[in-house]
Amino acid sequence: MASVKEKVRVNVYIDKTVIEDAKRLSINLSNSLETALKSELETKWLERNQHKIEIYNQSIAVDGLPFNEDDLCI
């Protein structure tokens, strides 16, 4: 069963012309903002964790995966 995500109301200030153009083109402002924020969050997460990811990848390259092929359930 899929869970319903809770939505909250927020106030944002956006250039009037941009809003008018978006409405004229039937762009859903809430969905567009949510999509842009998710993308920005992903980018920031990758930036903050890039060093840790590189260290992990280096350890895998040197030591291999922490399990053998028999452990995989494919």
Protein backbone atom coordinates (compact mmCIF):
# COMPACT_ATOMS: atom_id res chain seq x y z
CA MET A 1 0.00 0.00 0.00
CA ALA A 2 1.47 3.36 -1.02
CA SER A 3 1.73 6.01 1.64
CA VAL A 4 0.39 9.50 1.10
CA LYS A 5 3.09 12.16 1.40
CA GLU A 6 2.22 15.06 3.62
CA LYS A 7 2.27 18.40 1.84
CA VAL A 8 2.71 21.78 3.50
CA ARG A 9 1.80 25.23 2.33
CA VAL A 10 4.71 27.64 1.86
CA ASN A 11 5.03 31.23 0.74
CA VAL A 12 7.59 32.07 -1.91
CA TYR A 13 8.41 35.26 -3.75
CA ILE A 14 8.93 34.86 -7.49
CA ASP A 15 9.25 37.42 -10.25
CA LYS A 16 5.76 38.36 -11.47
CA THR A 17 6.65 37.88 -15.15
CA VAL A 18 7.93 34.37 -14.49
CA ILE A 19 4.69 33.42 -12.73
CA GLU A 20 2.55 34.91 -15.49
CA ASP A 21 4.51 33.04 -18.17
CA ALA A 22 4.30 29.78 -16.21
CA LYS A 23 0.54 30.11 -15.74
CA ARG A 24 0.06 30.95 -19.42
CA LEU A 25 1.93 27.75 -20.31
CA SER A 26 -0.07 25.71 -17.75
CA ILE A 27 3.03 24.86 -15.72
CA ASN A 28 2.20 23.42 -12.32
CA LEU A 29 4.12 25.68 -9.95
CA SER A 30 4.06 23.30 -6.98
CA ASN A 31 5.32 20.33 -8.98
CA SER A 32 7.98 22.42 -10.72
CA LEU A 33 9.29 23.82 -7.45
CA GLU A 34 9.24 20.41 -5.78
CA THR A 35 11.14 18.84 -8.70
CA ALA A 36 13.71 21.65 -8.69
CA LEU A 37 14.20 21.37 -4.92
CA LYS A 38 14.66 17.60 -5.10
CA SER A 39 17.28 18.08 -7.79
CA GLU A 40 19.06 20.73 -5.73
CA LEU A 41 18.97 18.50 -2.64
CA GLU A 42 20.50 15.63 -4.62
CA THR A 43 23.23 17.91 -5.98
CA LYS A 44 24.05 19.26 -2.51
CA TRP A 45 24.09 15.74 -1.03
CA LEU A 46 26.51 14.57 -3.72
CA GLU A 47 28.72 17.63 -3.15
CA ARG A 48 28.80 17.04 0.61
CA ASN A 49 29.49 13.31 0.29
CA GLN A 50 31.76 13.23 -2.76
CA HIS A 51 34.92 12.74 -0.70
CA LYS A 52 33.37 9.85 1.26
CA ILE A 53 32.15 8.23 -1.95
CA GLU A 54 35.63 8.48 -3.47
CA ILE A 55 37.21 6.91 -0.37
CA TYR A 56 34.64 4.08 -0.43
CA ASN A 57 35.22 3.46 -4.15
CA GLN A 58 38.99 3.39 -3.60
CA SER A 59 38.61 0.84 -0.80
CA ILE A 60 36.44 -1.35 -3.05
CA ALA A 61 39.02 -1.06 -5.85
CA VAL A 62 41.80 -2.17 -3.48
CA ASP A 63 40.01 -4.70 -1.23
CA GLY A 64 37.06 -5.76 -3.38
CA LEU A 65 33.45 -6.00 -2.29
CA PRO A 66 32.75 -6.99 1.33
CA PHE A 67 30.98 -10.16 0.15
CA ASN A 68 31.53 -12.82 -2.47
CA GLU A 69 29.38 -13.69 -5.48
CA ASP A 70 27.66 -16.51 -3.56
CA ASP A 71 26.10 -13.87 -1.27
CA LEU A 72 24.30 -12.18 -4.18
CA CYS A 73 20.62 -12.97 -4.68
CA ILE A 74 20.01 -12.40 -8.37
